[in-house]
């Protein structure tokens, strides 16, 4: 086991042609995804508010939040994103993974499709 990083394309919800591809650490312990603010602003993604997050070490931080398209391979889904600051890790969190219908297989270090959805 170790760290799993994947290439993810993120794009503006309102202008999907404004996109960037970047490596993101898959973090099955993080609910939220984090992308550097500079990248989000370059794509024209506007924050829609602020939220407070608790880090793994127990510290609480306040960050702006918005929403983007996430694309991994042929899968694309809209999900919330945290505007990362200097020192913040670029993360693909569980909420975006679930929206993409993917899950992390930590033994193989790969993303796998989720099974059928329950209604």
N, C-alpha and C. Protein backbone atom coordinates (compact mmCIF):
# COMPACT_ATOMS: atom_id res chain seq x y z
N UNK A 1 0.84 -1.18 0.00
CA UNK A 1 0.00 0.00 0.00
C UNK A 1 0.88 1.24 0.00
N UNK A 2 0.31 2.33 -0.45
CA UNK A 2 1.04 3.58 -0.50
C UNK A 2 0.11 4.66 -0.98
N UNK A 3 0.67 5.67 -1.56
CA UNK A 3 -0.11 6.77 -2.07
C UNK A 3 -0.53 6.48 -3.50
N UNK A 4 -1.75 6.88 -3.84
CA UNK A 4 -2.25 6.73 -5.20
C UNK A 4 -2.51 8.10 -5.77
N UNK A 5 -1.91 8.37 -6.90
CA UNK A 5 -2.10 9.64 -7.59
C UNK A 5 -2.67 9.34 -8.97
N UNK A 6 -3.63 10.16 -9.41
CA UNK A 6 -4.23 9.97 -10.72
C UNK A 6 -4.27 11.29 -11.48
N UNK A 7 -4.27 11.20 -12.80
CA UNK A 7 -4.42 12.38 -13.64
C UNK A 7 -5.91 12.72 -13.71
N UNK A 8 -6.24 13.94 -13.36
CA UNK A 8 -7.63 14.39 -13.33
C UNK A 8 -7.75 15.66 -14.15
N UNK A 9 -8.76 15.71 -15.00
CA UNK A 9 -9.05 16.95 -15.69
C UNK A 9 -10.16 17.64 -14.93
N UNK A 10 -9.93 18.90 -14.60
CA UNK A 10 -10.97 19.70 -13.97
C UNK A 10 -11.35 20.80 -14.95
N UNK A 11 -12.63 21.18 -14.92
CA UNK A 11 -13.07 22.25 -15.82
C UNK A 11 -14.20 23.05 -15.18
N UNK A 12 -14.36 24.24 -15.72
CA UNK A 12 -15.38 25.19 -15.28
C UNK A 12 -16.76 24.61 -15.63
N UNK A 13 -17.68 24.63 -14.67
CA UNK A 13 -19.04 24.11 -14.93
C UNK A 13 -19.74 24.85 -16.06
N UNK A 14 -19.54 26.16 -16.12
CA UNK A 14 -20.24 26.98 -17.11
C UNK A 14 -19.51 27.09 -18.43
N UNK A 15 -18.22 26.80 -18.43
CA UNK A 15 -17.40 26.87 -19.64
C UNK A 15 -16.43 25.68 -19.63
N UNK A 16 -16.93 24.47 -19.92
CA UNK A 16 -16.11 23.26 -19.80
C UNK A 16 -14.86 23.24 -20.67
N UNK A 17 -14.81 24.11 -21.68
CA UNK A 17 -13.60 24.18 -22.50
C UNK A 17 -12.43 24.79 -21.73
N UNK A 18 -12.73 25.47 -20.63
CA UNK A 18 -11.69 26.01 -19.75
C UNK A 18 -11.31 24.91 -18.77
N UNK A 19 -10.26 24.16 -19.11
CA UNK A 19 -9.92 22.95 -18.36
C UNK A 19 -8.42 22.89 -18.10
N UNK A 20 -8.07 22.09 -17.12
CA UNK A 20 -6.67 21.83 -16.78
C UNK A 20 -6.55 20.38 -16.32
N UNK A 21 -5.45 19.76 -16.69
CA UNK A 21 -5.18 18.40 -16.24
C UNK A 21 -4.08 18.46 -15.19
N UNK A 22 -4.29 17.79 -14.07
CA UNK A 22 -3.30 17.82 -13.01
C UNK A 22 -3.30 16.52 -12.23
N UNK A 23 -2.16 16.17 -11.64
CA UNK A 23 -2.11 14.98 -10.79
C UNK A 23 -2.77 15.31 -9.45
N UNK A 24 -3.59 14.38 -8.98
CA UNK A 24 -4.25 14.56 -7.69
C UNK A 24 -4.03 13.31 -6.85
N UNK A 25 -3.74 13.52 -5.59
CA UNK A 25 -3.60 12.43 -4.64
C UNK A 25 -5.00 11.96 -4.27
N UNK A 26 -5.25 10.66 -4.42
CA UNK A 26 -6.54 10.10 -4.03
C UNK A 26 -6.51 9.90 -2.52
N UNK A 27 -7.43 10.54 -1.82
CA UNK A 27 -7.46 10.46 -0.37
C UNK A 27 -8.81 9.94 0.09
N UNK A 28 -8.86 8.63 0.38
CA UNK A 28 -10.12 8.00 0.79
C UNK A 28 -10.51 8.41 2.21
N UNK A 29 -9.65 9.15 2.90
CA UNK A 29 -9.98 9.66 4.22
C UNK A 29 -10.47 11.09 4.21
N UNK A 30 -10.45 11.71 3.05
CA UNK A 30 -10.90 13.10 2.92
C UNK A 30 -12.22 13.13 2.17
N UNK A 31 -13.19 13.84 2.69
CA UNK A 31 -14.46 13.93 1.98
C UNK A 31 -14.37 14.92 0.82
N UNK A 32 -13.60 15.98 0.99
CA UNK A 32 -13.55 17.05 -0.01
C UNK A 32 -12.32 16.94 -0.91
N UNK A 33 -12.47 17.48 -2.12
CA UNK A 33 -11.36 17.58 -3.07
C UNK A 33 -10.78 18.98 -2.97
N UNK A 34 -9.46 19.07 -3.13
CA UNK A 34 -8.76 20.35 -3.00
C UNK A 34 -7.93 20.59 -4.26
N UNK A 35 -8.09 21.78 -4.85
CA UNK A 35 -7.33 22.19 -6.04
C UNK A 35 -6.76 23.58 -5.73
N UNK A 36 -5.52 23.83 -6.12
CA UNK A 36 -4.95 25.15 -5.86
C UNK A 36 -5.83 26.28 -6.41
N UNK A 37 -6.00 27.31 -5.59
CA UNK A 37 -6.82 28.46 -5.96
C UNK A 37 -6.39 29.07 -7.29
N UNK A 38 -5.07 29.16 -7.52
CA UNK A 38 -4.57 29.78 -8.75
C UNK A 38 -5.09 29.05 -9.99
N UNK A 39 -5.15 27.73 -9.94
CA UNK A 39 -5.66 26.96 -11.09
C UNK A 39 -7.15 27.20 -11.26
N UNK A 40 -7.90 27.16 -10.17
CA UNK A 40 -9.34 27.37 -10.26
C UNK A 40 -9.66 28.76 -10.81
N UNK A 41 -8.96 29.76 -10.33
CA UNK A 41 -9.22 31.13 -10.80
C UNK A 41 -8.84 31.29 -12.28
N UNK A 42 -7.74 30.63 -12.70
CA UNK A 42 -7.35 30.68 -14.11
C UNK A 42 -8.43 30.07 -15.00
N UNK A 43 -9.16 29.09 -14.48
CA UNK A 43 -10.25 28.46 -15.23
C UNK A 43 -11.55 29.25 -15.13
N UNK A 44 -11.53 30.31 -14.34
CA UNK A 44 -12.73 31.14 -14.19
C UNK A 44 -13.73 30.59 -13.19
N UNK A 45 -13.30 29.66 -12.34
CA UNK A 45 -14.18 29.12 -11.30
C UNK A 45 -14.27 30.13 -10.17
N UNK A 46 -15.50 30.50 -9.84
CA UNK A 46 -15.71 31.47 -8.78
C UNK A 46 -16.13 30.77 -7.49
N UNK A 47 -15.58 31.20 -6.37
CA UNK A 47 -16.03 30.62 -5.10
C UNK A 47 -17.48 30.99 -4.84
N UNK A 48 -18.22 30.10 -4.22
CA UNK A 48 -19.61 30.38 -3.89
C UNK A 48 -19.81 30.57 -2.39
N UNK A 49 -18.71 30.50 -1.64
CA UNK A 49 -18.81 30.68 -0.19
C UNK A 49 -17.59 30.16 0.53
N UNK A 50 -17.74 30.05 1.83
CA UNK A 50 -16.66 29.58 2.70
C UNK A 50 -17.16 28.39 3.50
N UNK A 51 -16.20 27.52 3.91
CA UNK A 51 -16.55 26.41 4.78
C UNK A 51 -15.37 26.14 5.70
N UNK A 52 -15.62 25.43 6.79
CA UNK A 52 -14.59 25.07 7.75
C UNK A 52 -14.35 23.58 7.63
N UNK A 53 -13.07 23.18 7.64
CA UNK A 53 -12.68 21.78 7.48
C UNK A 53 -11.76 21.38 8.62
N UNK A 54 -11.87 20.13 9.03
CA UNK A 54 -10.99 19.58 10.05
C UNK A 54 -9.96 18.70 9.36
N UNK A 55 -8.69 18.98 9.60
CA UNK A 55 -7.59 18.22 9.01
C UNK A 55 -7.34 16.94 9.80
N UNK A 56 -6.56 16.04 9.22
CA UNK A 56 -6.25 14.76 9.86
C UNK A 56 -5.59 14.95 11.22
N UNK A 57 -4.84 16.03 11.39
CA UNK A 57 -4.17 16.28 12.67
C UNK A 57 -5.04 17.03 13.67
N UNK A 58 -6.31 17.26 13.31
CA UNK A 58 -7.25 17.90 14.22
C UNK A 58 -7.37 19.41 14.05
N UNK A 59 -6.45 20.03 13.32
CA UNK A 59 -6.55 21.48 13.10
C UNK A 59 -7.78 21.79 12.25
N UNK A 60 -8.35 22.96 12.47
CA UNK A 60 -9.48 23.43 11.67
C UNK A 60 -9.01 24.57 10.78
N UNK A 61 -9.45 24.53 9.52
CA UNK A 61 -9.09 25.59 8.58
C UNK A 61 -10.36 26.09 7.89
N UNK A 62 -10.30 27.31 7.41
CA UNK A 62 -11.42 27.91 6.68
C UNK A 62 -10.96 28.16 5.26
N UNK A 63 -11.74 27.68 4.28
CA UNK A 63 -11.37 27.81 2.87
C UNK A 63 -12.61 28.16 2.04
N UNK A 64 -12.36 28.81 0.89
CA UNK A 64 -13.43 29.06 -0.07
C UNK A 64 -13.77 27.75 -0.77
N UNK A 65 -15.02 27.65 -1.21
CA UNK A 65 -15.49 26.46 -1.91
C UNK A 65 -16.24 26.85 -3.18
N UNK A 66 -16.25 25.96 -4.14
CA UNK A 66 -16.96 26.15 -5.39
C UNK A 66 -17.30 24.78 -5.96
N UNK A 67 -17.49 24.72 -7.27
CA UNK A 67 -17.81 23.45 -7.93
C UNK A 67 -17.18 23.43 -9.31
N UNK A 68 -16.77 22.23 -9.74
CA UNK A 68 -16.14 22.03 -11.05
C UNK A 68 -16.59 20.68 -11.62
N UNK A 69 -16.27 20.48 -12.90
CA UNK A 69 -16.35 19.17 -13.50
C UNK A 69 -15.05 18.44 -13.19
N UNK A 70 -15.14 17.18 -12.81
CA UNK A 70 -13.99 16.31 -12.65
C UNK A 70 -14.08 15.25 -13.74
N UNK A 71 -12.96 14.96 -14.42
CA UNK A 71 -12.93 13.88 -15.40
C UNK A 71 -11.74 12.98 -15.07
N UNK A 72 -12.04 11.69 -14.93
CA UNK A 72 -11.01 10.66 -14.75
C UNK A 72 -11.30 9.60 -15.80
N UNK A 73 -10.38 9.47 -16.75
CA UNK A 73 -10.64 8.57 -17.88
C UNK A 73 -11.86 9.04 -18.65
N UNK A 74 -12.82 8.16 -18.84
CA UNK A 74 -14.04 8.53 -19.57
C UNK A 74 -15.18 8.94 -18.65
N UNK A 75 -14.92 8.97 -17.37
CA UNK A 75 -15.97 9.35 -16.41
C UNK A 75 -15.89 10.84 -16.09
N UNK A 76 -17.04 11.49 -16.07
CA UNK A 76 -17.10 12.92 -15.76
C UNK A 76 -18.27 13.17 -14.82
N UNK A 77 -18.03 14.00 -13.80
CA UNK A 77 -19.08 14.36 -12.85
C UNK A 77 -18.78 15.72 -12.26
N UNK A 78 -19.82 16.42 -11.90
CA UNK A 78 -19.68 17.70 -11.20
C UNK A 78 -19.61 17.42 -9.71
N UNK A 79 -18.77 18.19 -9.03
CA UNK A 79 -18.65 18.04 -7.58
C UNK A 79 -18.06 19.30 -6.98
N UNK A 80 -18.19 19.42 -5.68
CA UNK A 80 -17.63 20.56 -4.96
C UNK A 80 -16.11 20.48 -4.92
N UNK A 81 -15.49 21.64 -4.76
CA UNK A 81 -14.04 21.72 -4.68
C UNK A 81 -13.66 22.80 -3.67
N UNK A 82 -12.57 22.54 -2.97
CA UNK A 82 -12.02 23.50 -2.01
C UNK A 82 -10.91 24.27 -2.71
N UNK A 83 -10.90 25.59 -2.55
CA UNK A 83 -9.86 26.45 -3.11
C UNK A 83 -8.63 26.33 -2.21
N UNK A 84 -7.64 25.54 -2.65
CA UNK A 84 -6.45 25.30 -1.86
C UNK A 84 -5.53 26.50 -1.79
N UNK A 85 -4.81 26.59 -0.69
CA UNK A 85 -3.81 27.64 -0.48
C UNK A 85 -2.42 27.01 -0.51
N UNK A 86 -1.41 27.87 -0.52
CA UNK A 86 -0.02 27.41 -0.48
C UNK A 86 0.14 26.43 0.69
N UNK A 87 0.70 25.28 0.40
CA UNK A 87 0.91 24.26 1.43
C UNK A 87 -0.19 23.22 1.50
N UNK A 88 -1.34 23.50 0.90
CA UNK A 88 -2.43 22.51 0.88
C UNK A 88 -2.13 21.46 -0.19
N UNK A 89 -2.38 20.22 0.13
CA UNK A 89 -2.19 19.12 -0.82
C UNK A 89 -3.33 19.14 -1.85
N UNK A 90 -3.02 18.82 -3.10
CA UNK A 90 -4.05 18.68 -4.14
C UNK A 90 -4.66 17.29 -3.97
N UNK A 91 -5.95 17.23 -3.63
CA UNK A 91 -6.60 15.97 -3.27
C UNK A 91 -7.84 15.69 -4.09
N UNK A 92 -8.07 14.42 -4.38
CA UNK A 92 -9.33 13.93 -4.92
C UNK A 92 -10.00 13.18 -3.78
N UNK A 93 -11.07 13.76 -3.24
CA UNK A 93 -11.74 13.21 -2.06
C UNK A 93 -12.88 12.26 -2.40
N UNK A 94 -13.45 11.71 -1.36
CA UNK A 94 -14.47 10.68 -1.49
C UNK A 94 -15.74 11.17 -2.18
N UNK A 95 -16.16 12.40 -1.92
CA UNK A 95 -17.40 12.89 -2.54
C UNK A 95 -17.26 12.90 -4.06
N UNK A 96 -16.16 13.44 -4.57
CA UNK A 96 -15.96 13.45 -6.03
C UNK A 96 -15.81 12.03 -6.57
N UNK A 97 -15.12 11.16 -5.82
CA UNK A 97 -14.99 9.77 -6.26
C UNK A 97 -16.36 9.12 -6.40
N UNK A 98 -17.23 9.34 -5.43
CA UNK A 98 -18.57 8.76 -5.50
C UNK A 98 -19.38 9.35 -6.65
N UNK A 99 -19.23 10.65 -6.88
CA UNK A 99 -19.92 11.27 -8.02
C UNK A 99 -19.43 10.66 -9.34
N UNK A 100 -18.15 10.33 -9.39
CA UNK A 100 -17.56 9.70 -10.58
C UNK A 100 -17.86 8.20 -10.65
N UNK A 101 -18.49 7.67 -9.59
CA UNK A 101 -18.80 6.23 -9.47
C UNK A 101 -17.51 5.40 -9.46
N UNK A 102 -16.50 5.90 -8.71
CA UNK A 102 -15.23 5.22 -8.56
C UNK A 102 -14.92 5.01 -7.09
N UNK A 103 -14.09 4.02 -6.81
CA UNK A 103 -13.61 3.77 -5.46
C UNK A 103 -12.13 3.43 -5.53
N UNK A 104 -11.43 3.66 -4.44
CA UNK A 104 -10.01 3.36 -4.38
C UNK A 104 -9.79 1.93 -3.92
N UNK A 105 -9.01 1.19 -4.69
CA UNK A 105 -8.53 -0.13 -4.27
C UNK A 105 -7.12 0.11 -3.73
N UNK A 106 -6.97 0.23 -2.40
CA UNK A 106 -5.67 0.61 -1.84
C UNK A 106 -4.59 -0.45 -2.03
N UNK A 107 -4.97 -1.71 -2.10
CA UNK A 107 -3.97 -2.78 -2.29
C UNK A 107 -3.34 -2.69 -3.67
N UNK A 108 -4.17 -2.41 -4.68
CA UNK A 108 -3.67 -2.31 -6.06
C UNK A 108 -3.20 -0.90 -6.39
N UNK A 109 -3.59 0.08 -5.56
CA UNK A 109 -3.22 1.47 -5.84
C UNK A 109 -3.90 1.99 -7.09
N UNK A 110 -5.16 1.56 -7.30
CA UNK A 110 -5.91 1.95 -8.51
C UNK A 110 -7.34 2.32 -8.16
N UNK A 111 -7.94 3.09 -9.06
CA UNK A 111 -9.36 3.38 -8.94
C UNK A 111 -10.14 2.29 -9.67
N UNK A 112 -11.26 1.90 -9.09
CA UNK A 112 -12.11 0.87 -9.67
C UNK A 112 -13.54 1.39 -9.74
N UNK A 113 -14.32 0.93 -10.72
CA UNK A 113 -15.72 1.33 -10.78
C UNK A 113 -16.50 0.81 -9.57
N UNK A 114 -17.43 1.63 -9.09
CA UNK A 114 -18.35 1.19 -8.04
C UNK A 114 -19.36 0.25 -8.65
N UNK A 115 -19.96 -0.57 -7.83
CA UNK A 115 -21.03 -1.46 -8.30
C UNK A 115 -22.29 -0.69 -8.62
N UNK A 116 -23.37 -1.40 -8.91
CA UNK A 116 -24.64 -0.75 -9.24
C UNK A 116 -25.13 0.14 -8.09
N UNK A 117 -25.77 1.23 -8.45
CA UNK A 117 -26.32 2.14 -7.45
C UNK A 117 -27.59 1.58 -6.86
N UNK A 118 -27.83 1.91 -5.60
CA UNK A 118 -29.09 1.53 -4.96
C UNK A 118 -29.99 2.75 -4.94
N UNK A 119 -31.23 2.52 -5.17
CA UNK A 119 -32.22 3.61 -5.11
C UNK A 119 -32.98 3.57 -3.83
